[in-house]
Structures are given as C-alpha cells and as structure tokens.
C-alpha cells in the first residue's frame, strides 16, 4: 500500500472508531412485571442484577447513541445472551431519545449470568455492543439467575457446571496467553 492509501485508511478509521469507543449504553432499571424478585445492582466490576427464573422483567437502557439513528428511532434491537438457555433477540421501544425499554422472561431453568447487547442484528449472535453498568463504569451489566429468601431477601446466584467465566478486569493479550501455557 502506498502512503496515500494508508493515510486514507487511517482517516476512515478515525471517523468510524469513535462511535465504537463511545459505546456507553447503561442498564439503569430492572423491574419485575409479574411478582418476581429483583436485587441490585451489585458488583465492583461486572454489575449484577439478581432476578428469578421464570419471571418477567422490564429492562431500561439509557445513553444509546451509537445506532437507531442516534437513539431516536422508535425501536432498537437488543439481545440477551445465555450460554445455557440460548440467546434471545428482542425489540426495545423508545421512551425518550437515547432510552429504550423491553421485557424479558428469564427461562425457568435459568442459571448463571445473562449479558445484554444493543445495536444487534437479529439472528446474528456476534453483533451488537455490550450494555454497561448503570453508573457509567466500563464494565458490563448482567442479569444473574438467583434464588431469594422470604420477602425477596438474600439473593443466591444459581450456578451450574457450564457457567461461562466472565472476565472482570481488562487484560493484555500476553497475560491471557499465560493462562493457556
């Protein structure tokens, strides 16, 4: 490639990458719609919202600006991922510019955590941007399947042998490789 082509490529990257670098949608609310329990958010890195399997919740994400016409379109594609229950594509609806709501029913056999993505393409599990903590931190926000005590107290995560490990701290490629030596 010539110097001119590299300069053009760098300019194009500079124009497209800032929108990805500013990905900042936040999970700001998880509300049960059918009597389920909810607790959270908690966690110093990945932020967890404990929820009950088999129950339906209304989720609200804010600060959407990377897609859906800058967060002004009437709908937004989202996906709730689960390594155990399968991924679920959902259409969220606009509340105010940049803020969308959608409902999600945790599967009755749910376990582990459920990361949430926005700006997704339905049916394509490798698309979208991860939803972050409600406080704007750079870590993800997840729903977490949990059991609760009386009065929706004492949430206990439901873990299984197939729960995927979620990284909680950024790492260099060299450090990741050291785990697999």
C-alpha atoms as a PDB file:
ATOM      1  CA  UNK A   1       0.000   0.000   0.000  1.00  0.00           C
ATOM      2  CA  UNK A   2       1.158   3.485  -0.703  1.00  0.00           C
ATOM      3  CA  UNK A   3       1.473   6.205   1.886  1.00  0.00           C
ATOM      4  CA  UNK A   4      -1.606   7.900   0.424  1.00  0.00           C
ATOM      5  CA  UNK A   5      -3.692   4.733   0.857  1.00  0.00           C
ATOM      6  CA  UNK A   6      -2.513   4.325   4.447  1.00  0.00           C
ATOM      7  CA  UNK A   7      -3.390   7.935   5.215  1.00  0.00           C
ATOM      8  CA  UNK A   8      -6.849   7.451   3.713  1.00  0.00           C
ATOM      9  CA  UNK A   9      -7.338   4.243   5.691  1.00  0.00           C
ATOM     10  CA  UNK A  10      -6.255   5.961   8.927  1.00  0.00           C
ATOM     11  CA  UNK A  11      -8.667   8.840   8.274  1.00  0.00           C
ATOM     12  CA  UNK A  12     -11.515   6.408   7.630  1.00  0.00           C
ATOM     13  CA  UNK A  13     -10.724   4.527  10.838  1.00  0.00           C
ATOM     14  CA  UNK A  14     -10.662   7.778  12.804  1.00  0.00           C
ATOM     15  CA  UNK A  15     -14.132   8.612  11.520  1.00  0.00           C
ATOM     16  CA  UNK A  16     -15.659   5.217  12.307  1.00  0.00           C
ATOM     17  CA  UNK A  17     -13.920   4.137  15.512  1.00  0.00           C
ATOM     18  CA  UNK A  18     -15.018   6.992  17.798  1.00  0.00           C
ATOM     19  CA  UNK A  19     -18.624   5.777  17.681  1.00  0.00           C
ATOM     20  CA  UNK A  20     -17.474   2.389  18.951  1.00  0.00           C
ATOM     21  CA  UNK A  21     -15.126   3.883  21.518  1.00  0.00           C
ATOM     22  CA  UNK A  22     -18.002   5.904  22.972  1.00  0.00           C
ATOM     23  CA  UNK A  23     -20.287   2.899  23.408  1.00  0.00           C
ATOM     24  CA  UNK A  24     -21.915   3.802  26.655  1.00  0.00           C
ATOM     25  CA  UNK A  25     -25.441   2.429  26.965  1.00  0.00           C
ATOM     26  CA  UNK A  26     -26.272   1.637  30.578  1.00  0.00           C
ATOM     27  CA  UNK A  27     -28.714  -0.744  32.222  1.00  0.00           C
ATOM     28  CA  UNK A  28     -30.491   1.680  34.553  1.00  0.00           C
ATOM     29  CA  UNK A  29     -33.553  -0.261  35.677  1.00  0.00           C
ATOM     30  CA  UNK A  30     -34.809  -3.836  36.113  1.00  0.00           C
ATOM     31  CA  UNK A  31     -38.419  -4.026  37.306  1.00  0.00           C
ATOM     32  CA  UNK A  32     -40.430  -7.239  37.818  1.00  0.00           C
ATOM     33  CA  UNK A  33     -43.765  -7.270  35.983  1.00  0.00           C
ATOM     34  CA  UNK A  34     -45.256 -10.450  37.454  1.00  0.00           C
ATOM     35  CA  UNK A  35     -44.284 -10.539  41.126  1.00  0.00           C
ATOM     36  CA  UNK A  36     -40.703 -11.690  40.678  1.00  0.00           C
ATOM     37  CA  UNK A  37     -37.864 -10.598  42.920  1.00  0.00           C
ATOM     38  CA  UNK A  38     -35.017  -8.328  41.887  1.00  0.00           C
ATOM     39  CA  UNK A  39     -31.943  -7.180  43.752  1.00  0.00           C
ATOM     40  CA  UNK A  40     -29.107  -4.983  42.667  1.00  0.00           C
ATOM     41  CA  UNK A  41     -27.168  -3.724  41.054  1.00  0.00           C
ATOM     42  CA  UNK A  42     -24.109  -5.145  42.835  1.00  0.00           C
ATOM     43  CA  UNK A  43     -20.504  -5.884  41.944  1.00  0.00           C
ATOM     44  CA  UNK A  44     -17.277  -3.887  41.818  1.00  0.00           C
ATOM     45  CA  UNK A  45     -16.562  -4.763  38.180  1.00  0.00           C
ATOM     46  CA  UNK A  46     -19.271  -6.602  36.223  1.00  0.00           C
ATOM     47  CA  UNK A  47     -22.538  -5.340  37.682  1.00  0.00           C
ATOM     48  CA  UNK A  48     -25.196  -7.924  38.529  1.00  0.00           C
ATOM     49  CA  UNK A  49     -28.957  -7.577  38.810  1.00  0.00           C
ATOM     50  CA  UNK A  50     -30.242 -10.704  40.599  1.00  0.00           C
ATOM     51  CA  UNK A  51     -33.537 -11.952  39.111  1.00  0.00           C
ATOM     52  CA  UNK A  52     -35.734 -15.057  39.417  1.00  0.00           C
ATOM     53  CA  UNK A  53     -36.022 -17.790  36.793  1.00  0.00           C
ATOM     54  CA  UNK A  54     -39.450 -17.985  35.170  1.00  0.00           C
ATOM     55  CA  UNK A  55     -40.272 -14.345  35.950  1.00  0.00           C
ATOM     56  CA  UNK A  56     -40.668 -11.412  33.567  1.00  0.00           C
ATOM     57  CA  UNK A  57     -38.803  -8.122  33.929  1.00  0.00           C
ATOM     58  CA  UNK A  58     -38.922  -4.746  32.224  1.00  0.00           C
ATOM     59  CA  UNK A  59     -35.392  -3.521  31.499  1.00  0.00           C
ATOM     60  CA  UNK A  60     -34.441   0.052  30.680  1.00  0.00           C
ATOM     61  CA  UNK A  61     -31.225   1.062  28.952  1.00  0.00           C
ATOM     62  CA  UNK A  62     -30.129   4.670  28.523  1.00  0.00           C
ATOM     63  CA  UNK A  63     -27.396   6.617  26.723  1.00  0.00           C
ATOM     64  CA  UNK A  64     -27.951   4.866  23.379  1.00  0.00           C
ATOM     65  CA  UNK A  65     -26.364   6.969  20.667  1.00  0.00           C
ATOM     66  CA  UNK A  66     -24.345   4.554  18.503  1.00  0.00           C
ATOM     67  CA  UNK A  67     -27.275   3.252  16.440  1.00  0.00           C
ATOM     68  CA  UNK A  68     -31.048   3.584  15.990  1.00  0.00           C
ATOM     69  CA  UNK A  69     -30.495   6.970  14.340  1.00  0.00           C
ATOM     70  CA  UNK A  70     -28.575   8.316  17.328  1.00  0.00           C
ATOM     71  CA  UNK A  71     -31.058   6.835  19.792  1.00  0.00           C
ATOM     72  CA  UNK A  72     -34.119   8.470  18.255  1.00  0.00           C
ATOM     73  CA  UNK A  73     -35.641   5.591  16.255  1.00  0.00           C
ATOM     74  CA  UNK A  74     -38.878   4.177  17.670  1.00  0.00           C
ATOM     75  CA  UNK A  75     -37.261   0.738  18.135  1.00  0.00           C
ATOM     76  CA  UNK A  76     -33.858  -0.758  18.928  1.00  0.00           C
ATOM     77  CA  UNK A  77     -32.669  -4.345  18.515  1.00  0.00           C
ATOM     78  CA  UNK A  78     -31.281  -5.893  21.701  1.00  0.00           C
ATOM     79  CA  UNK A  79     -30.169  -9.403  22.647  1.00  0.00           C
ATOM     80  CA  UNK A  80     -29.958 -11.155  25.995  1.00  0.00           C
ATOM     81  CA  UNK A  81     -27.261 -13.853  25.857  1.00  0.00           C
ATOM     82  CA  UNK A  82     -27.178 -17.129  27.762  1.00  0.00           C
ATOM     83  CA  UNK A  83     -24.662 -19.915  27.316  1.00  0.00           C
ATOM     84  CA  UNK A  84     -27.151 -22.333  28.933  1.00  0.00           C
ATOM     85  CA  UNK A  85     -30.577 -21.195  27.701  1.00  0.00           C
ATOM     86  CA  UNK A  86     -29.731 -19.731  24.313  1.00  0.00           C
ATOM     87  CA  UNK A  87     -29.736 -16.132  23.144  1.00  0.00           C
ATOM     88  CA  UNK A  88     -32.928 -14.090  22.818  1.00  0.00           C
ATOM     89  CA  UNK A  89     -33.418 -11.302  20.263  1.00  0.00           C
ATOM     90  CA  UNK A  90     -35.815  -8.596  21.461  1.00  0.00           C
ATOM     91  CA  UNK A  91     -37.091  -5.294  20.092  1.00  0.00           C
ATOM     92  CA  UNK A  92     -36.896  -2.448  22.603  1.00  0.00           C
ATOM     93  CA  UNK A  93     -39.123   0.613  22.319  1.00  0.00           C
ATOM     94  CA  UNK A  94     -38.156   4.253  22.634  1.00  0.00           C
ATOM     95  CA  UNK A  95     -39.061   6.016  25.888  1.00  0.00           C
ATOM     96  CA  UNK A  96     -37.208   9.296  25.295  1.00  0.00           C
ATOM     97  CA  UNK A  97     -34.242   9.925  22.980  1.00  0.00           C
ATOM     98  CA  UNK A  98     -31.425   7.561  23.973  1.00  0.00           C
ATOM     99  CA  UNK A  99     -33.579   5.498  26.370  1.00  0.00           C
ATOM    100  CA  UNK A 100     -35.309   2.223  25.486  1.00  0.00           C
ATOM    101  CA  UNK A 101     -37.395  -0.359  27.384  1.00  0.00           C
ATOM    102  CA  UNK A 102     -38.006  -4.040  26.730  1.00  0.00           C
ATOM    103  CA  UNK A 103     -39.339  -7.054  28.600  1.00  0.00           C
ATOM    104  CA  UNK A 104     -37.505 -10.313  29.121  1.00  0.00           C
ATOM    105  CA  UNK A 105     -38.630 -13.529  30.795  1.00  0.00           C
ATOM    106  CA  UNK A 106     -35.831 -15.460  32.436  1.00  0.00           C
ATOM    107  CA  UNK A 107     -36.113 -19.136  31.397  1.00  0.00           C
ATOM    108  CA  UNK A 108     -37.491 -21.414  34.170  1.00  0.00           C
ATOM    109  CA  UNK A 109     -34.254 -23.447  34.153  1.00  0.00           C
ATOM    110  CA  UNK A 110     -32.010 -20.345  34.125  1.00  0.00           C
ATOM    111  CA  UNK A 111     -28.602 -20.356  35.749  1.00  0.00           C
ATOM    112  CA  UNK A 112     -25.500 -18.188  35.552  1.00  0.00           C
ATOM    113  CA  UNK A 113     -25.494 -14.678  34.101  1.00  0.00           C
ATOM    114  CA  UNK A 114     -27.093 -13.013  31.100  1.00  0.00           C
ATOM    115  CA  UNK A 115     -25.126 -10.228  29.352  1.00  0.00           C
ATOM    116  CA  UNK A 116     -27.166  -7.738  27.336  1.00  0.00           C
ATOM    117  CA  UNK A 117     -26.260  -6.293  23.926  1.00  0.00           C
ATOM    118  CA  UNK A 118     -27.763  -3.442  21.899  1.00  0.00           C
ATOM    119  CA  UNK A 119     -27.384  -2.346  18.255  1.00  0.00           C
ATOM    120  CA  UNK A 120     -27.745  -6.022  17.344  1.00  0.00           C
ATOM    121  CA  UNK A 121     -28.792  -7.753  14.140  1.00  0.00           C
ATOM    122  CA  UNK A 122     -31.473 -10.360  14.903  1.00  0.00           C
ATOM    123  CA  UNK A 123     -30.250 -13.899  14.346  1.00  0.00           C
ATOM    124  CA  UNK A 124     -26.580 -12.888  14.309  1.00  0.00           C
ATOM    125  CA  UNK A 125     -25.097 -13.661  17.718  1.00  0.00           C
ATOM    126  CA  UNK A 126     -21.791 -11.929  17.001  1.00  0.00           C
ATOM    127  CA  UNK A 127     -23.327  -8.464  16.572  1.00  0.00           C
ATOM    128  CA  UNK A 128     -24.031  -5.656  18.994  1.00  0.00           C
ATOM    129  CA  UNK A 129     -22.424  -3.639  21.734  1.00  0.00           C
ATOM    130  CA  UNK A 130     -22.421  -4.729  25.359  1.00  0.00           C
ATOM    131  CA  UNK A 131     -24.581  -2.779  27.824  1.00  0.00           C
ATOM    132  CA  UNK A 132     -22.576  -1.261  30.683  1.00  0.00           C
ATOM    133  CA  UNK A 133     -23.098  -0.619  34.384  1.00  0.00           C
ATOM    134  CA  UNK A 134     -25.730   1.895  35.477  1.00  0.00           C
ATOM    135  CA  UNK A 135     -23.034   4.212  36.876  1.00  0.00           C
ATOM    136  CA  UNK A 136     -21.249   4.548  33.539  1.00  0.00           C
ATOM    137  CA  UNK A 137     -18.345   2.284  34.512  1.00  0.00           C
ATOM    138  CA  UNK A 138     -16.604   0.461  31.692  1.00  0.00           C
ATOM    139  CA  UNK A 139     -17.682  -2.987  32.873  1.00  0.00           C
ATOM    140  CA  UNK A 140     -20.726  -4.912  31.699  1.00  0.00           C
ATOM    141  CA  UNK A 141     -24.124  -5.209  33.328  1.00  0.00           C
ATOM    142  CA  UNK A 142     -25.629  -8.712  33.561  1.00  0.00           C
ATOM    143  CA  UNK A 143     -28.834 -10.243  34.765  1.00  0.00           C
ATOM    144  CA  UNK A 144     -27.992 -13.076  37.185  1.00  0.00           C
ATOM    145  CA  UNK A 145     -30.305 -16.031  37.835  1.00  0.00           C
ATOM    146  CA  UNK A 146     -30.810 -16.239  41.597  1.00  0.00           C
ATOM    147  CA  UNK A 147     -32.987 -17.733  44.302  1.00  0.00           C
ATOM    148  CA  UNK A 148     -34.406 -15.477  47.008  1.00  0.00           C
ATOM    149  CA  UNK A 149     -35.435 -15.831  50.625  1.00  0.00           C
ATOM    150  CA  UNK A 150     -38.800 -14.708  52.029  1.00  0.00           C
ATOM    151  CA  UNK A 151     -39.726 -11.165  51.049  1.00  0.00           C
ATOM    152  CA  UNK A 152     -37.229 -11.138  48.152  1.00  0.00           C
ATOM    153  CA  UNK A 153     -34.254 -11.117  50.531  1.00  0.00           C
ATOM    154  CA  UNK A 154     -30.879 -12.850  50.467  1.00  0.00           C
ATOM    155  CA  UNK A 155     -30.377 -13.464  46.715  1.00  0.00           C
ATOM    156  CA  UNK A 156     -28.203 -16.510  45.970  1.00  0.00           C
ATOM    157  CA  UNK A 157     -26.799 -16.979  42.446  1.00  0.00           C
ATOM    158  CA  UNK A 158     -27.790 -20.178  40.663  1.00  0.00           C
ATOM    159  CA  UNK A 159     -24.533 -21.591  39.359  1.00  0.00           C
ATOM    160  CA  UNK A 160     -24.001 -24.647  37.240  1.00  0.00           C
ATOM    161  CA  UNK A 161     -21.070 -26.536  35.838  1.00  0.00           C
ATOM    162  CA  UNK A 162     -21.495 -24.795  32.495  1.00  0.00           C
ATOM    163  CA  UNK A 163     -21.447 -21.173  33.654  1.00  0.00           C
ATOM    164  CA  UNK A 164     -19.100 -19.208  31.435  1.00  0.00           C
ATOM    165  CA  UNK A 165     -16.390 -17.275  33.224  1.00  0.00           C
ATOM    166  CA  UNK A 166     -16.790 -13.555  32.646  1.00  0.00           C
ATOM    167  CA  UNK A 167     -13.590 -11.523  32.706  1.00  0.00           C
ATOM    168  CA  UNK A 168     -13.819  -8.785  35.299  1.00  0.00           C
ATOM    169  CA  UNK A 169     -10.675  -6.836  34.554  1.00  0.00           C
ATOM    170  CA  UNK A 170      -9.109  -5.736  31.275  1.00  0.00           C
ATOM    171  CA  UNK A 171      -6.003  -7.670  30.373  1.00  0.00           C
ATOM    172  CA  UNK A 172      -3.245  -7.696  27.813  1.00  0.00           C
ATOM    173  CA  UNK A 173      -3.037 -10.434  25.201  1.00  0.00           C
ATOM    174  CA  UNK A 174       0.256 -11.620  26.710  1.00  0.00           C
ATOM    175  CA  UNK A 175      -1.375 -12.086  30.100  1.00  0.00           C
ATOM    176  CA  UNK A 176      -4.287 -14.001  28.573  1.00  0.00           C
ATOM    177  CA  UNK A 177      -1.842 -16.279  26.727  1.00  0.00           C
ATOM    178  CA  UNK A 178      -0.033 -17.003  30.003  1.00  0.00           C
ATOM    179  CA  UNK A 179      -3.188 -18.692  31.344  1.00  0.00           C
ATOM    180  CA  UNK A 180      -3.148 -21.225  28.500  1.00  0.00           C
ATOM    181  CA  UNK A 181       0.504 -22.269  28.626  1.00  0.00           C
END
